[in-house]
Amino acid sequence: MISLSVARLWRRTEATAALEFALAAVPLMLLILGVIEVGLLFWSQQALQGVAIDTARCAGLGSCSSQSAVQSFAVTEAASRGLNTLTNSAVTVTTGTAAEALCGNTTARVVNISMSYQYNSITFIPLTRNLTATACYPLAVDSTA
């Protein structure tokens, strides 16, 4: 008797569309969330690179007069671009021959800005990635940042 009712249930087709949707929806949602997460990761990297470029320009032109001013400019610029967790200690300013070696320029005085940012995933998959950005800019003023 039990096998007869199971066989009868097996032949019923009223809920097959709902079952197929339930089986297909999970991988589809994972794929969509993964694409969004990778897009946010690339966006964060590009925003961090833009902050590094603007900070190097500020240091190179002398608008940021000291290392602490350069670091606070970078943190403020990062916050305006949505990278709220960048800290002063994550911003490194290099000048002199070390910066020239990092930038591949041995004929001009340059400033090198390096920064690192901890990217945290927003979905249920815990993903933490350390993003870095580096930018060089020629020094236009005598004082180094």
C-alpha atoms as a PDB file:
ATOM      1  CA  MET A   1       0.000   0.000   0.000  1.00  0.00           C
ATOM      2  CA  ILE A   2       2.849   2.399   0.793  1.00  0.00           C
ATOM      3  CA  SER A   3       4.608   1.649  -2.469  1.00  0.00           C
ATOM      4  CA  LEU A   4       1.384   2.302  -4.394  1.00  0.00           C
ATOM      5  CA  SER A   5       0.980   5.817  -2.945  1.00  0.00           C
ATOM      6  CA  VAL A   6       4.680   6.620  -3.549  1.00  0.00           C
ATOM      7  CA  ALA A   7       4.335   5.525  -7.150  1.00  0.00           C
ATOM      8  CA  ARG A   8       1.229   7.658  -7.502  1.00  0.00           C
ATOM      9  CA  LEU A   9       3.054  10.687  -6.046  1.00  0.00           C
ATOM     10  CA  TRP A  10       6.012  10.104  -8.358  1.00  0.00           C
ATOM     11  CA  ARG A  11       3.765  10.392 -11.419  1.00  0.00           C
ATOM     12  CA  ARG A  12       2.133  13.649 -10.359  1.00  0.00           C
ATOM     13  CA  THR A  13       3.464  16.676 -12.249  1.00  0.00           C
ATOM     14  CA  GLU A  14       1.690  19.657 -10.659  1.00  0.00           C
ATOM     15  CA  ALA A  15       4.714  20.940  -8.712  1.00  0.00           C
ATOM     16  CA  THR A  16       7.526  20.158 -11.127  1.00  0.00           C
ATOM     17  CA  ALA A  17       7.986  23.786 -12.130  1.00  0.00           C
ATOM     18  CA  ALA A  18       8.371  24.852  -8.494  1.00  0.00           C
ATOM     19  CA  LEU A  19      10.834  22.042  -7.845  1.00  0.00           C
ATOM     20  CA  GLU A  20      12.905  22.879 -10.937  1.00  0.00           C
ATOM     21  CA  PHE A  21      12.953  26.554  -9.934  1.00  0.00           C
ATOM     22  CA  ALA A  22      14.083  25.671  -6.411  1.00  0.00           C
ATOM     23  CA  LEU A  23      16.920  23.551  -7.788  1.00  0.00           C
ATOM     24  CA  ALA A  24      18.020  26.176 -10.320  1.00  0.00           C
ATOM     25  CA  ALA A  25      17.566  29.270  -8.134  1.00  0.00           C
ATOM     26  CA  VAL A  26      20.300  28.446  -5.612  1.00  0.00           C
ATOM     27  CA  PRO A  27      23.204  28.251  -8.126  1.00  0.00           C
ATOM     28  CA  LEU A  28      21.811  31.245 -10.008  1.00  0.00           C
ATOM     29  CA  MET A  29      21.701  33.390  -6.871  1.00  0.00           C
ATOM     30  CA  LEU A  30      25.217  32.294  -5.904  1.00  0.00           C
ATOM     31  CA  LEU A  31      26.432  33.281  -9.364  1.00  0.00           C
ATOM     32  CA  ILE A  32      24.736  36.684  -9.189  1.00  0.00           C
ATOM     33  CA  LEU A  33      26.106  37.411  -5.706  1.00  0.00           C
ATOM     34  CA  GLY A  34      29.573  36.303  -6.819  1.00  0.00           C
ATOM     35  CA  VAL A  35      29.527  38.650  -9.814  1.00  0.00           C
ATOM     36  CA  ILE A  36      28.425  41.541  -7.581  1.00  0.00           C
ATOM     37  CA  GLU A  37      31.154  40.745  -5.042  1.00  0.00           C
ATOM     38  CA  VAL A  38      33.908  40.602  -7.678  1.00  0.00           C
ATOM     39  CA  GLY A  39      32.623  43.880  -9.130  1.00  0.00           C
ATOM     40  CA  LEU A  40      32.837  45.533  -5.713  1.00  0.00           C
ATOM     41  CA  LEU A  41      36.344  44.181  -5.262  1.00  0.00           C
ATOM     42  CA  PHE A  42      37.481  45.676  -8.590  1.00  0.00           C
ATOM     43  CA  TRP A  43      35.729  48.954  -7.779  1.00  0.00           C
ATOM     44  CA  SER A  44      37.514  49.132  -4.412  1.00  0.00           C
ATOM     45  CA  GLN A  45      40.879  48.508  -6.096  1.00  0.00           C
ATOM     46  CA  GLN A  46      40.270  51.271  -8.656  1.00  0.00           C
ATOM     47  CA  ALA A  47      39.112  53.709  -5.958  1.00  0.00           C
ATOM     48  CA  LEU A  48      42.225  52.942  -3.895  1.00  0.00           C
ATOM     49  CA  GLN A  49      44.453  53.504  -6.924  1.00  0.00           C
ATOM     50  CA  GLY A  50      42.757  56.864  -7.540  1.00  0.00           C
ATOM     51  CA  VAL A  51      43.372  57.851  -3.923  1.00  0.00           C
ATOM     52  CA  ALA A  52      47.051  56.903  -4.269  1.00  0.00           C
ATOM     53  CA  ILE A  53      47.404  59.003  -7.434  1.00  0.00           C
ATOM     54  CA  ASP A  54      45.715  62.050  -5.890  1.00  0.00           C
ATOM     55  CA  THR A  55      47.755  61.704  -2.693  1.00  0.00           C
ATOM     56  CA  ALA A  56      51.032  61.443  -4.620  1.00  0.00           C
ATOM     57  CA  ARG A  57      50.093  64.554  -6.576  1.00  0.00           C
ATOM     58  CA  CYS A  58      49.291  66.418  -3.345  1.00  0.00           C
ATOM     59  CA  ALA A  59      52.651  65.404  -1.865  1.00  0.00           C
ATOM     60  CA  GLY A  60      54.569  66.125  -5.065  1.00  0.00           C
ATOM     61  CA  LEU A  61      53.134  69.609  -5.525  1.00  0.00           C
ATOM     62  CA  GLY A  62      53.663  70.521  -1.881  1.00  0.00           C
ATOM     63  CA  SER A  63      49.976  70.973  -1.020  1.00  0.00           C
ATOM     64  CA  CYS A  64      50.478  68.397   1.727  1.00  0.00           C
ATOM     65  CA  SER A  65      53.467  69.765   3.645  1.00  0.00           C
ATOM     66  CA  SER A  66      54.259  66.894   6.039  1.00  0.00           C
ATOM     67  CA  GLN A  67      53.900  63.143   6.204  1.00  0.00           C
ATOM     68  CA  SER A  68      50.970  63.420   8.623  1.00  0.00           C
ATOM     69  CA  ALA A  69      49.271  65.878   6.244  1.00  0.00           C
ATOM     70  CA  VAL A  70      49.773  63.421   3.377  1.00  0.00           C
ATOM     71  CA  GLN A  71      48.312  60.601   5.446  1.00  0.00           C
ATOM     72  CA  SER A  72      45.284  62.590   6.566  1.00  0.00           C
ATOM     73  CA  PHE A  73      44.712  63.759   2.967  1.00  0.00           C
ATOM     74  CA  ALA A  74      44.738  60.116   1.842  1.00  0.00           C
ATOM     75  CA  VAL A  75      42.279  59.056   4.557  1.00  0.00           C
ATOM     76  CA  THR A  76      39.932  61.950   3.751  1.00  0.00           C
ATOM     77  CA  GLU A  77      40.140  61.259   0.022  1.00  0.00           C
ATOM     78  CA  ALA A  78      39.497  57.546   0.595  1.00  0.00           C
ATOM     79  CA  ALA A  79      36.452  58.280   2.756  1.00  0.00           C
ATOM     80  CA  SER A  80      35.033  60.519   0.027  1.00  0.00           C
ATOM     81  CA  ARG A  81      35.340  57.580  -2.384  1.00  0.00           C
ATOM     82  CA  GLY A  82      33.670  55.101  -0.055  1.00  0.00           C
ATOM     83  CA  LEU A  83      36.765  53.449   1.437  1.00  0.00           C
ATOM     84  CA  ASN A  84      35.977  54.312   5.045  1.00  0.00           C
ATOM     85  CA  THR A  85      38.391  51.960   6.780  1.00  0.00           C
ATOM     86  CA  LEU A  86      41.677  53.346   5.413  1.00  0.00           C
ATOM     87  CA  THR A  87      43.886  54.471   8.301  1.00  0.00           C
ATOM     88  CA  ASN A  88      46.888  56.796   8.560  1.00  0.00           C
ATOM     89  CA  SER A  89      49.191  53.878   9.355  1.00  0.00           C
ATOM     90  CA  ALA A  90      48.274  52.199   6.047  1.00  0.00           C
ATOM     91  CA  VAL A  91      49.708  55.121   4.025  1.00  0.00           C
ATOM     92  CA  THR A  92      53.469  55.143   3.409  1.00  0.00           C
ATOM     93  CA  VAL A  93      55.339  58.109   1.944  1.00  0.00           C
ATOM     94  CA  THR A  94      58.739  57.493   0.352  1.00  0.00           C
ATOM     95  CA  THR A  95      61.030  60.186  -1.075  1.00  0.00           C
ATOM     96  CA  GLY A  96      64.634  60.423  -2.140  1.00  0.00           C
ATOM     97  CA  THR A  97      66.639  57.654  -3.756  1.00  0.00           C
ATOM     98  CA  ALA A  98      64.339  54.951  -2.359  1.00  0.00           C
ATOM     99  CA  ALA A  99      61.374  56.558  -4.139  1.00  0.00           C
ATOM    100  CA  GLU A 100      63.390  56.934  -7.317  1.00  0.00           C
ATOM    101  CA  ALA A 101      64.192  53.213  -7.231  1.00  0.00           C
ATOM    102  CA  LEU A 102      60.534  52.315  -6.582  1.00  0.00           C
ATOM    103  CA  CYS A 103      59.332  54.546  -9.404  1.00  0.00           C
ATOM    104  CA  GLY A 104      62.032  53.513 -11.861  1.00  0.00           C
ATOM    105  CA  ASN A 105      63.126  57.113 -12.278  1.00  0.00           C
ATOM    106  CA  THR A 106      66.704  57.963 -11.390  1.00  0.00           C
ATOM    107  CA  THR A 107      66.874  61.412 -12.973  1.00  0.00           C
ATOM    108  CA  ALA A 108      64.115  63.298 -11.150  1.00  0.00           C
ATOM    109  CA  ARG A 109      63.146  63.658  -7.528  1.00  0.00           C
ATOM    110  CA  VAL A 110      59.873  61.835  -6.941  1.00  0.00           C
ATOM    111  CA  VAL A 111      57.517  60.913  -4.139  1.00  0.00           C
ATOM    112  CA  ASN A 112      56.095  57.397  -3.872  1.00  0.00           C
ATOM    113  CA  ILE A 113      52.818  56.731  -2.078  1.00  0.00           C
ATOM    114  CA  SER A 114      51.949  53.178  -1.072  1.00  0.00           C
ATOM    115  CA  MET A 115      48.771  52.253   0.712  1.00  0.00           C
ATOM    116  CA  SER A 116      47.037  49.118   1.769  1.00  0.00           C
ATOM    117  CA  TYR A 117      43.316  48.571   2.354  1.00  0.00           C
ATOM    118  CA  GLN A 118      41.532  45.635   3.941  1.00  0.00           C
ATOM    119  CA  TYR A 119      38.595  44.602   1.734  1.00  0.00           C
ATOM    120  CA  ASN A 120      35.837  42.712   3.539  1.00  0.00           C
ATOM    121  CA  SER A 121      33.123  40.800   1.745  1.00  0.00           C
ATOM    122  CA  ILE A 122      29.500  41.891   2.126  1.00  0.00           C
ATOM    123  CA  THR A 123      27.923  38.532   1.371  1.00  0.00           C
ATOM    124  CA  PHE A 124      27.644  35.436   3.523  1.00  0.00           C
ATOM    125  CA  ILE A 125      30.971  34.118   2.206  1.00  0.00           C
ATOM    126  CA  PRO A 126      33.726  35.587   4.426  1.00  0.00           C
ATOM    127  CA  LEU A 127      36.317  37.059   2.067  1.00  0.00           C
ATOM    128  CA  THR A 128      39.070  39.365   3.251  1.00  0.00           C
ATOM    129  CA  ARG A 129      41.623  40.647   0.796  1.00  0.00           C
ATOM    130  CA  ASN A 130      44.462  43.102   1.235  1.00  0.00           C
ATOM    131  CA  LEU A 131      44.413  45.621  -1.607  1.00  0.00           C
ATOM    132  CA  THR A 132      47.468  47.766  -2.335  1.00  0.00           C
ATOM    133  CA  ALA A 133      48.030  50.786  -4.536  1.00  0.00           C
ATOM    134  CA  THR A 134      51.181  52.707  -5.413  1.00  0.00           C
ATOM    135  CA  ALA A 135      51.624  55.989  -7.225  1.00  0.00           C
ATOM    136  CA  CYS A 136      54.607  58.181  -8.094  1.00  0.00           C
ATOM    137  CA  TYR A 137      54.706  61.902  -8.763  1.00  0.00           C
ATOM    138  CA  PRO A 138      57.664  64.234  -9.466  1.00  0.00           C
ATOM    139  CA  LEU A 139      58.505  66.659  -6.678  1.00  0.00           C
ATOM    140  CA  ALA A 140      57.791  70.241  -7.667  1.00  0.00           C
ATOM    141  CA  VAL A 141      58.898  71.818  -4.407  1.00  0.00           C
ATOM    142  CA  ASP A 142      62.140  71.742  -2.396  1.00  0.00           C
ATOM    143  CA  SER A 143      60.704  70.353   0.827  1.00  0.00           C
ATOM    144  CA  THR A 144      59.895  66.660   0.799  1.00  0.00           C
ATOM    145  CA  ALA A 145      56.688  65.319   2.295  1.00  0.00           C
END
